[in-house]
Amino acid sequence: MTEQPDIQTSLLGQWSAELSTRTGLPLYVRPVNPDDDSLVADFFAGLSHDDLRFRFLTPLARPSCSLLEALVAVDHVRTEDFLVFTDIDGCKRLIASAMLAADSSMERAEVAIAVSPEYKNCGVGYTLLGFVARDAAARGIEIIESIECRDNVSAIALEKEMGFTATSHPDDASLILVRKTLSRSG
């Protein structure tokens, strides 16, 4: 008797993608799974304090165990955490992460992206944000938003380049809310 693949594993495989940045860097994107906890912990341990602050909107020396658990224990419906790898000397290395978290109506979602310092300015964030926007549109999400620290000027500039509008966050003057209305094509 042949063993049937787990439904969730089958769905996760469908959401994987091979991409290339505008600089030609090949990327492999897949959803996180619960076995990725140490991989995700190591990735965030390699980020600067500013990168962690920009990603989590609070100063962190490193993410707590409970935060890391939340990043790998997503439902893959309303919330997804995409992991981005590139090939280095024949091994896949995690170089970025993108969280997409939708509201209960699946009309609006927040996106948060982190990229390893050595892969900034290589088109990873741009390519990943485009991928997440297309994925969100395919899920029926109409609006994606990102909350940025006001001093994260490179992320805000990238989002504006991709058609997001930026406004002051209504509850915190140190933050910027960037938003984009999606079409079915992303």
N, C-alpha and C. Protein backbone atom coordinates (compact mmCIF):
# COMPACT_ATOMS: atom_id res chain seq x y z
N MET A 1 0.84 -1.19 0.00
CA MET A 1 0.00 0.00 0.00
C MET A 1 0.89 1.25 0.00
N THR A 2 0.57 2.20 -0.85
CA THR A 2 1.35 3.43 -0.96
C THR A 2 0.89 4.43 0.08
N GLU A 3 1.85 5.06 0.75
CA GLU A 3 1.52 6.06 1.75
C GLU A 3 1.10 7.35 1.05
N GLN A 4 -0.02 7.92 1.47
CA GLN A 4 -0.52 9.16 0.90
C GLN A 4 0.20 10.35 1.52
N PRO A 5 0.55 11.36 0.72
CA PRO A 5 1.21 12.53 1.29
C PRO A 5 0.26 13.30 2.19
N ASP A 6 0.81 13.88 3.22
CA ASP A 6 0.06 14.74 4.13
C ASP A 6 -0.50 15.91 3.33
N ILE A 7 -1.78 16.27 3.56
CA ILE A 7 -2.43 17.36 2.82
C ILE A 7 -1.65 18.66 2.99
N GLN A 8 -1.26 18.98 4.22
CA GLN A 8 -0.54 20.22 4.45
C GLN A 8 0.78 20.22 3.68
N THR A 9 1.50 19.13 3.67
CA THR A 9 2.75 19.04 2.94
C THR A 9 2.51 19.26 1.45
N SER A 10 1.44 18.69 0.92
CA SER A 10 1.11 18.88 -0.50
C SER A 10 0.84 20.35 -0.79
N LEU A 11 0.07 21.00 0.07
CA LEU A 11 -0.24 22.41 -0.14
C LEU A 11 1.01 23.26 -0.03
N LEU A 12 1.88 22.95 0.93
CA LEU A 12 3.10 23.73 1.08
C LEU A 12 3.97 23.63 -0.16
N GLY A 13 4.02 22.46 -0.77
CA GLY A 13 4.79 22.28 -1.99
C GLY A 13 4.25 23.13 -3.13
N GLN A 14 2.92 23.30 -3.18
CA GLN A 14 2.31 24.11 -4.23
C GLN A 14 2.68 25.59 -4.07
N TRP A 15 2.96 26.02 -2.85
CA TRP A 15 3.25 27.43 -2.60
C TRP A 15 4.72 27.75 -2.75
N SER A 16 5.54 26.81 -3.08
CA SER A 16 6.96 27.07 -3.25
C SER A 16 7.20 27.68 -4.63
N ALA A 17 8.30 28.43 -4.73
CA ALA A 17 8.59 29.08 -6.00
C ALA A 17 10.09 29.27 -6.16
N GLU A 18 10.52 29.27 -7.41
CA GLU A 18 11.89 29.65 -7.74
C GLU A 18 11.80 31.01 -8.42
N LEU A 19 12.57 31.96 -7.91
CA LEU A 19 12.55 33.32 -8.41
C LEU A 19 13.97 33.76 -8.73
N SER A 20 14.07 34.89 -9.37
CA SER A 20 15.37 35.49 -9.64
C SER A 20 15.24 36.99 -9.39
N THR A 21 16.21 37.57 -8.70
CA THR A 21 16.16 39.00 -8.45
C THR A 21 16.56 39.77 -9.70
N ARG A 22 16.38 41.06 -9.66
CA ARG A 22 16.76 41.89 -10.81
C ARG A 22 18.27 41.92 -11.00
N THR A 23 19.03 41.48 -9.98
CA THR A 23 20.49 41.37 -10.12
C THR A 23 20.90 39.96 -10.57
N GLY A 24 19.90 39.08 -10.76
CA GLY A 24 20.19 37.72 -11.23
C GLY A 24 20.41 36.70 -10.12
N LEU A 25 20.24 37.07 -8.88
CA LEU A 25 20.41 36.15 -7.77
C LEU A 25 19.25 35.15 -7.75
N PRO A 26 19.52 33.85 -7.83
CA PRO A 26 18.43 32.87 -7.78
C PRO A 26 17.92 32.70 -6.35
N LEU A 27 16.60 32.63 -6.21
CA LEU A 27 15.96 32.47 -4.92
C LEU A 27 15.02 31.28 -4.95
N TYR A 28 14.97 30.57 -3.85
CA TYR A 28 13.99 29.51 -3.67
C TYR A 28 13.14 29.91 -2.47
N VAL A 29 11.83 30.02 -2.68
CA VAL A 29 10.91 30.47 -1.64
C VAL A 29 9.99 29.32 -1.28
N ARG A 30 9.81 29.10 0.02
CA ARG A 30 8.86 28.10 0.48
C ARG A 30 8.26 28.54 1.80
N PRO A 31 7.08 28.02 2.12
CA PRO A 31 6.48 28.33 3.42
C PRO A 31 7.27 27.67 4.55
N VAL A 32 7.25 28.31 5.68
CA VAL A 32 7.88 27.76 6.88
C VAL A 32 7.14 26.50 7.31
N ASN A 33 7.83 25.63 8.01
CA ASN A 33 7.16 24.49 8.63
C ASN A 33 7.67 24.37 10.06
N PRO A 34 6.97 23.65 10.91
CA PRO A 34 7.34 23.59 12.33
C PRO A 34 8.76 23.08 12.59
N ASP A 35 9.32 22.33 11.67
CA ASP A 35 10.70 21.83 11.85
C ASP A 35 11.76 22.90 11.58
N ASP A 36 11.34 24.08 11.16
CA ASP A 36 12.28 25.14 10.82
C ASP A 36 12.67 26.02 12.00
N ASP A 37 12.29 25.64 13.22
CA ASP A 37 12.52 26.53 14.36
C ASP A 37 13.97 26.93 14.55
N SER A 38 14.90 26.00 14.49
CA SER A 38 16.31 26.37 14.69
C SER A 38 16.86 27.14 13.49
N LEU A 39 16.40 26.83 12.30
CA LEU A 39 16.80 27.55 11.10
C LEU A 39 16.36 29.02 11.18
N VAL A 40 15.13 29.24 11.60
CA VAL A 40 14.60 30.60 11.73
C VAL A 40 15.33 31.33 12.86
N ALA A 41 15.59 30.65 13.97
CA ALA A 41 16.33 31.26 15.08
C ALA A 41 17.71 31.69 14.63
N ASP A 42 18.41 30.84 13.88
CA ASP A 42 19.74 31.19 13.38
C ASP A 42 19.69 32.38 12.42
N PHE A 43 18.66 32.41 11.57
CA PHE A 43 18.52 33.53 10.64
C PHE A 43 18.39 34.85 11.40
N PHE A 44 17.47 34.91 12.36
CA PHE A 44 17.27 36.16 13.09
C PHE A 44 18.47 36.50 13.97
N ALA A 45 19.20 35.50 14.44
CA ALA A 45 20.42 35.76 15.21
C ALA A 45 21.48 36.46 14.36
N GLY A 46 21.42 36.30 13.05
CA GLY A 46 22.38 36.93 12.14
C GLY A 46 22.02 38.34 11.71
N LEU A 47 20.88 38.83 12.17
CA LEU A 47 20.47 40.19 11.80
C LEU A 47 21.01 41.21 12.79
N SER A 48 21.18 42.43 12.34
CA SER A 48 21.63 43.52 13.21
C SER A 48 20.48 43.93 14.14
N HIS A 49 20.84 44.70 15.16
CA HIS A 49 19.80 45.20 16.08
C HIS A 49 18.79 46.08 15.34
N ASP A 50 19.28 46.90 14.40
CA ASP A 50 18.35 47.72 13.62
C ASP A 50 17.46 46.86 12.74
N ASP A 51 18.01 45.82 12.11
CA ASP A 51 17.18 44.93 11.28
C ASP A 51 16.09 44.27 12.12
N LEU A 52 16.43 43.85 13.33
CA LEU A 52 15.43 43.25 14.22
C LEU A 52 14.38 44.29 14.63
N ARG A 53 14.82 45.50 14.93
CA ARG A 53 13.88 46.57 15.30
C ARG A 53 12.96 46.88 14.14
N PHE A 54 13.51 46.95 12.92
CA PHE A 54 12.67 47.24 11.76
C PHE A 54 11.67 46.10 11.51
N ARG A 55 12.07 44.87 11.72
CA ARG A 55 11.18 43.72 11.46
C ARG A 55 10.09 43.59 12.53
N PHE A 56 10.47 43.77 13.81
CA PHE A 56 9.52 43.52 14.90
C PHE A 56 9.00 44.80 15.55
N LEU A 57 9.48 45.96 15.09
CA LEU A 57 9.02 47.28 15.56
C LEU A 57 9.28 47.51 17.05
N THR A 58 10.27 46.84 17.57
CA THR A 58 10.68 47.03 18.96
C THR A 58 12.14 46.63 19.07
N PRO A 59 12.88 47.28 19.95
CA PRO A 59 14.29 46.88 20.12
C PRO A 59 14.38 45.47 20.71
N LEU A 60 15.13 44.61 20.06
CA LEU A 60 15.33 43.23 20.51
C LEU A 60 16.80 42.87 20.37
N ALA A 61 17.33 42.17 21.36
CA ALA A 61 18.66 41.59 21.19
C ALA A 61 18.53 40.35 20.31
N ARG A 62 17.44 39.63 20.53
CA ARG A 62 17.09 38.48 19.69
C ARG A 62 15.62 38.14 19.98
N PRO A 63 14.93 37.52 19.04
CA PRO A 63 13.52 37.14 19.28
C PRO A 63 13.44 36.08 20.39
N SER A 64 12.40 36.18 21.19
CA SER A 64 12.17 35.21 22.26
C SER A 64 11.76 33.86 21.67
N CYS A 65 11.84 32.83 22.50
CA CYS A 65 11.41 31.50 22.05
C CYS A 65 9.94 31.50 21.65
N SER A 66 9.11 32.22 22.39
CA SER A 66 7.68 32.24 22.05
C SER A 66 7.44 32.96 20.73
N LEU A 67 8.20 34.01 20.46
CA LEU A 67 8.07 34.71 19.17
C LEU A 67 8.52 33.80 18.03
N LEU A 68 9.64 33.12 18.21
CA LEU A 68 10.11 32.19 17.17
C LEU A 68 9.11 31.06 16.93
N GLU A 69 8.51 30.56 18.01
CA GLU A 69 7.48 29.52 17.85
C GLU A 69 6.31 30.03 17.02
N ALA A 70 5.90 31.28 17.27
CA ALA A 70 4.79 31.86 16.50
C ALA A 70 5.15 32.01 15.03
N LEU A 71 6.41 32.26 14.73
CA LEU A 71 6.82 32.43 13.34
C LEU A 71 6.80 31.12 12.55
N VAL A 72 6.96 30.00 13.22
CA VAL A 72 6.96 28.71 12.51
C VAL A 72 5.63 27.96 12.65
N ALA A 73 4.77 28.38 13.56
CA ALA A 73 3.49 27.70 13.78
C ALA A 73 2.35 28.50 13.15
N VAL A 74 2.47 28.78 11.88
CA VAL A 74 1.44 29.55 11.18
C VAL A 74 0.37 28.62 10.62
N ASP A 75 -0.79 29.17 10.31
CA ASP A 75 -1.90 28.33 9.81
C ASP A 75 -1.87 28.10 8.30
N HIS A 76 -1.03 28.81 7.57
CA HIS A 76 -0.89 28.69 6.12
C HIS A 76 -2.16 29.08 5.37
N VAL A 77 -3.10 29.72 6.04
CA VAL A 77 -4.30 30.22 5.40
C VAL A 77 -4.35 31.73 5.59
N ARG A 78 -4.56 32.18 6.82
CA ARG A 78 -4.57 33.62 7.12
C ARG A 78 -3.16 34.15 7.34
N THR A 79 -2.27 33.29 7.78
CA THR A 79 -0.91 33.72 8.08
C THR A 79 0.08 32.79 7.38
N GLU A 80 1.07 33.40 6.76
CA GLU A 80 2.12 32.63 6.10
C GLU A 80 3.46 33.29 6.40
N ASP A 81 4.46 32.47 6.61
CA ASP A 81 5.83 32.95 6.76
C ASP A 81 6.64 32.28 5.67
N PHE A 82 7.02 33.07 4.67
CA PHE A 82 7.81 32.54 3.56
C PHE A 82 9.29 32.63 3.91
N LEU A 83 10.01 31.54 3.68
CA LEU A 83 11.45 31.52 3.86
C LEU A 83 12.10 31.57 2.48
N VAL A 84 13.18 32.34 2.37
CA VAL A 84 13.85 32.55 1.10
C VAL A 84 15.29 32.05 1.22
N PHE A 85 15.65 31.17 0.30
CA PHE A 85 16.98 30.57 0.29
C PHE A 85 17.68 30.93 -1.00
N THR A 86 18.99 30.88 -0.97
CA THR A 86 19.78 30.92 -2.19
C THR A 86 20.84 29.82 -2.08
N ASP A 87 21.38 29.45 -3.20
CA ASP A 87 22.37 28.37 -3.24
C ASP A 87 23.76 28.95 -3.02
N ILE A 88 24.43 28.46 -1.99
CA ILE A 88 25.80 28.88 -1.71
C ILE A 88 26.65 27.63 -1.63
N ASP A 89 27.54 27.48 -2.60
CA ASP A 89 28.43 26.31 -2.65
C ASP A 89 27.66 24.99 -2.57
N GLY A 90 26.54 24.92 -3.29
CA GLY A 90 25.76 23.69 -3.35
C GLY A 90 24.82 23.47 -2.19
N CYS A 91 24.75 24.41 -1.26
CA CYS A 91 23.83 24.28 -0.10
C CYS A 91 22.85 25.45 -0.11
N LYS A 92 21.62 25.16 0.25
CA LYS A 92 20.61 26.21 0.37
C LYS A 92 20.82 26.94 1.69
N ARG A 93 20.91 28.28 1.62
CA ARG A 93 21.09 29.10 2.81
C ARG A 93 19.92 30.05 2.94
N LEU A 94 19.33 30.12 4.14
CA LEU A 94 18.23 31.04 4.41
C LEU A 94 18.76 32.47 4.44
N ILE A 95 18.20 33.32 3.56
CA ILE A 95 18.69 34.69 3.48
C ILE A 95 17.60 35.74 3.70
N ALA A 96 16.33 35.32 3.80
CA ALA A 96 15.25 36.28 4.01
C ALA A 96 14.01 35.56 4.51
N SER A 97 13.13 36.37 5.08
CA SER A 97 11.85 35.87 5.59
C SER A 97 10.79 36.92 5.31
N ALA A 98 9.59 36.48 4.97
CA ALA A 98 8.47 37.41 4.75
C ALA A 98 7.22 36.84 5.39
N MET A 99 6.67 37.56 6.32
CA MET A 99 5.44 37.17 7.00
C MET A 99 4.28 37.92 6.35
N LEU A 100 3.21 37.20 6.05
CA LEU A 100 1.96 37.78 5.56
C LEU A 100 0.88 37.36 6.54
N ALA A 101 0.20 38.34 7.15
CA ALA A 101 -0.83 38.04 8.15
C ALA A 101 -2.10 38.80 7.79
N ALA A 102 -3.14 38.05 7.46
CA ALA A 102 -4.41 38.64 7.02
C ALA A 102 -5.38 38.79 8.18
N ASP A 103 -6.30 39.72 8.02
CA ASP A 103 -7.37 39.86 9.00
C ASP A 103 -8.37 38.73 8.82
N SER A 104 -9.34 38.65 9.71
CA SER A 104 -10.28 37.52 9.69
C SER A 104 -11.14 37.49 8.42
N SER A 105 -11.34 38.63 7.78
CA SER A 105 -12.15 38.67 6.55
C SER A 105 -11.32 38.37 5.30
N MET A 106 -10.01 38.24 5.45
CA MET A 106 -9.09 38.00 4.32
C MET A 106 -9.15 39.13 3.29
N GLU A 107 -9.45 40.36 3.75
CA GLU A 107 -9.48 41.51 2.86
C GLU A 107 -8.22 42.35 2.95
N ARG A 108 -7.59 42.35 4.11
CA ARG A 108 -6.43 43.18 4.37
C ARG A 108 -5.38 42.33 5.05
N ALA A 109 -4.11 42.56 4.70
CA ALA A 109 -3.03 41.79 5.33
C ALA A 109 -1.82 42.68 5.55
N GLU A 110 -1.08 42.34 6.58
CA GLU A 110 0.17 43.03 6.86
C GLU A 110 1.32 42.16 6.40
N VAL A 111 2.34 42.80 5.85
CA VAL A 111 3.54 42.09 5.41
C VAL A 111 4.74 42.65 6.18
N ALA A 112 5.64 41.76 6.56
CA ALA A 112 6.89 42.16 7.24
C ALA A 112 8.01 41.31 6.66
N ILE A 113 9.08 41.97 6.23
CA ILE A 113 10.18 41.29 5.55
C ILE A 113 11.49 41.59 6.26
N ALA A 114 12.33 40.58 6.33
CA ALA A 114 13.70 40.76 6.84
C ALA A 114 14.66 40.08 5.86
N VAL A 115 15.78 40.74 5.57
CA VAL A 115 16.78 40.23 4.64
C VAL A 115 18.14 40.24 5.33
N SER A 116 18.90 39.17 5.16
CA SER A 116 20.25 39.10 5.71
C SER A 116 21.07 40.29 5.22
N PRO A 117 21.89 40.86 6.10
CA PRO A 117 22.66 42.06 5.72
C PRO A 117 23.48 41.90 4.44
N GLU A 118 24.09 40.75 4.23
CA GLU A 118 24.93 40.59 3.05
C GLU A 118 24.14 40.46 1.75
N TYR A 119 22.81 40.36 1.84
CA TYR A 119 21.99 40.25 0.64
C TYR A 119 21.10 41.47 0.42
N LYS A 120 21.34 42.53 1.20
CA LYS A 120 20.63 43.78 0.96
C LYS A 120 21.20 44.41 -0.30
N ASN A 121 20.40 45.17 -0.98
CA ASN A 121 20.78 45.84 -2.23
C ASN A 121 21.09 44.86 -3.35
N CYS A 122 20.55 43.65 -3.25
CA CYS A 122 20.68 42.64 -4.32
C CYS A 122 19.34 42.35 -4.98
N GLY A 123 18.29 43.08 -4.57
CA GLY A 123 16.96 42.87 -5.14
C GLY A 123 16.13 41.83 -4.41
N VAL A 124 16.62 41.31 -3.29
CA VAL A 124 15.88 40.27 -2.56
C VAL A 124 14.58 40.83 -2.00
N GLY A 125 14.64 41.97 -1.30
CA GLY A 125 13.43 42.56 -0.73
C GLY A 125 12.41 42.91 -1.79
N TYR A 126 12.86 43.50 -2.88
CA TYR A 126 11.98 43.88 -3.99
C TYR A 126 11.29 42.65 -4.58
N THR A 127 12.08 41.62 -4.86
CA THR A 127 11.53 40.39 -5.45
C THR A 127 10.57 39.71 -4.49
N LEU A 128 10.95 39.67 -3.23
CA LEU A 128 10.11 39.01 -2.22
C LEU A 128 8.81 39.76 -1.99
N LEU A 129 8.86 41.08 -1.93
CA LEU A 129 7.63 41.85 -1.75
C LEU A 129 6.69 41.66 -2.93
N GLY A 130 7.23 41.61 -4.14
CA GLY A 130 6.38 41.33 -5.31
C GLY A 130 5.75 39.96 -5.24
N PHE A 131 6.53 38.96 -4.81
CA PHE A 131 6.01 37.59 -4.66
C PHE A 131 4.89 37.56 -3.62
N VAL A 132 5.11 38.20 -2.48
CA VAL A 132 4.10 38.20 -1.42
C VAL A 132 2.84 38.93 -1.88
N ALA A 133 2.99 40.02 -2.62
CA ALA A 133 1.82 40.75 -3.13
C ALA A 133 1.01 39.87 -4.08
N ARG A 134 1.69 39.14 -4.95
CA ARG A 134 0.98 38.23 -5.87
C ARG A 134 0.28 37.10 -5.10
N ASP A 135 0.96 36.56 -4.10
CA ASP A 135 0.36 35.51 -3.27
C ASP A 135 -0.87 36.05 -2.54
N ALA A 136 -0.76 37.24 -1.98
CA ALA A 136 -1.90 37.85 -1.27
C ALA A 136 -3.08 38.05 -2.22
N ALA A 137 -2.82 38.56 -3.41
CA ALA A 137 -3.90 38.77 -4.38
C ALA A 137 -4.56 37.44 -4.75
N ALA A 138 -3.75 36.39 -4.92
CA ALA A 138 -4.30 35.07 -5.25
C ALA A 138 -5.17 34.53 -4.12
N ARG A 139 -4.90 34.94 -2.90
CA ARG A 139 -5.72 34.53 -1.74
C ARG A 139 -6.98 35.37 -1.61
N GLY A 140 -7.12 36.38 -2.47
CA GLY A 140 -8.29 37.25 -2.41
C GLY A 140 -8.11 38.47 -1.53
N ILE A 141 -6.92 38.68 -1.01
CA ILE A 141 -6.64 39.85 -0.18
C ILE A 141 -6.61 41.08 -1.07
N GLU A 142 -7.28 42.14 -0.63
CA GLU A 142 -7.41 43.34 -1.45
C GLU A 142 -6.36 44.41 -1.14
N ILE A 143 -5.91 44.46 0.11
CA ILE A 143 -4.97 45.50 0.53
C ILE A 143 -3.86 44.87 1.35
N ILE A 144 -2.62 45.22 1.00
CA ILE A 144 -1.50 44.82 1.87
C ILE A 144 -0.88 46.08 2.45
N GLU A 145 -0.45 45.94 3.69
CA GLU A 145 0.12 47.05 4.43
C GLU A 145 1.41 46.61 5.10
N SER A 146 2.23 47.59 5.37
CA SER A 146 3.43 47.35 6.16
C SER A 146 3.59 48.53 7.10
N ILE A 147 3.96 48.25 8.31
CA ILE A 147 4.24 49.30 9.27
C ILE A 147 5.76 49.39 9.38
N GLU A 148 6.28 50.56 9.09
CA GLU A 148 7.73 50.76 9.05
C GLU A 148 8.16 51.79 10.09
N CYS A 149 9.32 51.56 10.68
CA CYS A 149 9.95 52.60 11.49
C CYS A 149 10.27 53.75 10.55
N ARG A 150 10.03 54.95 11.01
CA ARG A 150 10.24 56.13 10.17
C ARG A 150 11.66 56.19 9.62
N ASP A 151 12.65 55.68 10.38
CA ASP A 151 14.04 55.74 9.92
C ASP A 151 14.44 54.57 9.02
N ASN A 152 13.50 53.69 8.67
CA ASN A 152 13.79 52.60 7.74
C ASN A 152 13.54 53.12 6.31
N VAL A 153 14.33 54.12 5.94
CA VAL A 153 14.09 54.83 4.68
C VAL A 153 14.25 53.95 3.45
N SER A 154 15.14 52.97 3.49
CA SER A 154 15.32 52.13 2.30
C SER A 154 14.08 51.26 2.05
N ALA A 155 13.47 50.72 3.11
CA ALA A 155 12.25 49.91 2.93
C ALA A 155 11.10 50.78 2.44
N ILE A 156 10.97 51.97 2.99
CA ILE A 156 9.89 52.86 2.58
C ILE A 156 10.07 53.27 1.12
N ALA A 157 11.29 53.56 0.72
CA ALA A 157 11.56 53.93 -0.68
C ALA A 157 11.25 52.77 -1.62
N LEU A 158 11.64 51.55 -1.22
CA LEU A 158 11.36 50.36 -2.04
C LEU A 158 9.85 50.17 -2.20
N GLU A 159 9.11 50.30 -1.09
CA GLU A 159 7.66 50.12 -1.16
C GLU A 159 7.00 51.19 -2.02
N LYS A 160 7.47 52.42 -1.92
CA LYS A 160 6.94 53.48 -2.79
C LYS A 160 7.22 53.17 -4.25
N GLU A 161 8.42 52.66 -4.52
CA GLU A 161 8.79 52.29 -5.90
C GLU A 161 7.83 51.21 -6.43
N MET A 162 7.33 50.37 -5.54
CA MET A 162 6.43 49.28 -5.94
C MET A 162 4.96 49.68 -5.89
N GLY A 163 4.67 50.98 -5.74
CA GLY A 163 3.29 51.45 -5.82
C GLY A 163 2.57 51.58 -4.50
N PHE A 164 3.27 51.45 -3.38
CA PHE A 164 2.65 51.65 -2.08
C PHE A 164 2.56 53.15 -1.80
N THR A 165 1.56 53.54 -1.03
CA THR A 165 1.48 54.91 -0.56
C THR A 165 1.87 54.92 0.91
N ALA A 166 2.51 55.99 1.34
CA ALA A 166 3.00 56.09 2.71
C ALA A 166 2.30 57.24 3.43
N THR A 167 1.86 56.96 4.64
CA THR A 167 1.25 57.98 5.49
C THR A 167 1.76 57.78 6.91
N SER A 168 1.63 58.82 7.71
CA SER A 168 2.00 58.69 9.11
C SER A 168 1.07 57.66 9.76
N HIS A 169 1.63 56.88 10.67
CA HIS A 169 0.80 55.91 11.39
C HIS A 169 -0.11 56.69 12.34
N PRO A 170 -1.41 56.37 12.37
CA PRO A 170 -2.33 57.15 13.19
C PRO A 170 -2.08 57.06 14.70
N ASP A 171 -1.42 56.01 15.15
CA ASP A 171 -1.23 55.82 16.59
C ASP A 171 0.19 56.06 17.09
N ASP A 172 1.14 56.28 16.17
CA ASP A 172 2.54 56.39 16.59
C ASP A 172 3.31 57.22 15.57
N ALA A 173 3.75 58.40 15.98
CA ALA A 173 4.46 59.31 15.07
C ALA A 173 5.81 58.78 14.61
N SER A 174 6.35 57.77 15.30
CA SER A 174 7.65 57.21 14.90
C SER A 174 7.51 56.16 13.80
N LEU A 175 6.26 55.87 13.40
CA LEU A 175 6.00 54.83 12.41
C LEU A 175 5.35 55.40 11.16
N ILE A 176 5.56 54.70 10.06
CA ILE A 176 4.93 55.02 8.77
C ILE A 176 4.09 53.81 8.36
N LEU A 177 2.88 54.07 7.87
CA LEU A 177 2.02 53.02 7.34
C LEU A 177 2.09 53.10 5.82
N VAL A 178 2.54 52.01 5.20
CA VAL A 178 2.54 51.95 3.74
C VAL A 178 1.48 50.94 3.30
N ARG A 179 0.79 51.28 2.23
CA ARG A 179 -0.37 50.48 1.82
C ARG A 179 -0.46 50.40 0.31
N LYS A 180 -0.94 49.25 -0.16
CA LYS A 180 -1.16 49.08 -1.59
C LYS A 180 -2.45 48.29 -1.79
N THR A 181 -3.27 48.77 -2.72
CA THR A 181 -4.46 48.04 -3.13
C THR A 181 -4.03 47.10 -4.24
N LEU A 182 -4.40 45.84 -4.09
CA LEU A 182 -3.97 44.80 -5.04
C LEU A 182 -5.01 44.56 -6.12
N SER A 183 -4.52 44.23 -7.27
CA SER A 183 -5.39 43.71 -8.32
C SER A 183 -5.23 42.20 -8.28
N ARG A 184 -6.02 41.49 -9.00
CA ARG A 184 -5.92 40.03 -9.01
C ARG A 184 -4.55 39.57 -9.51
N SER A 185 -3.86 40.41 -10.26
CA SER A 185 -2.54 40.03 -10.74
C SER A 185 -1.43 40.47 -9.79
N GLY A 186 -1.77 41.12 -8.65
CA GLY A 186 -0.79 41.52 -7.65
C GLY A 186 -0.34 42.91 -7.82
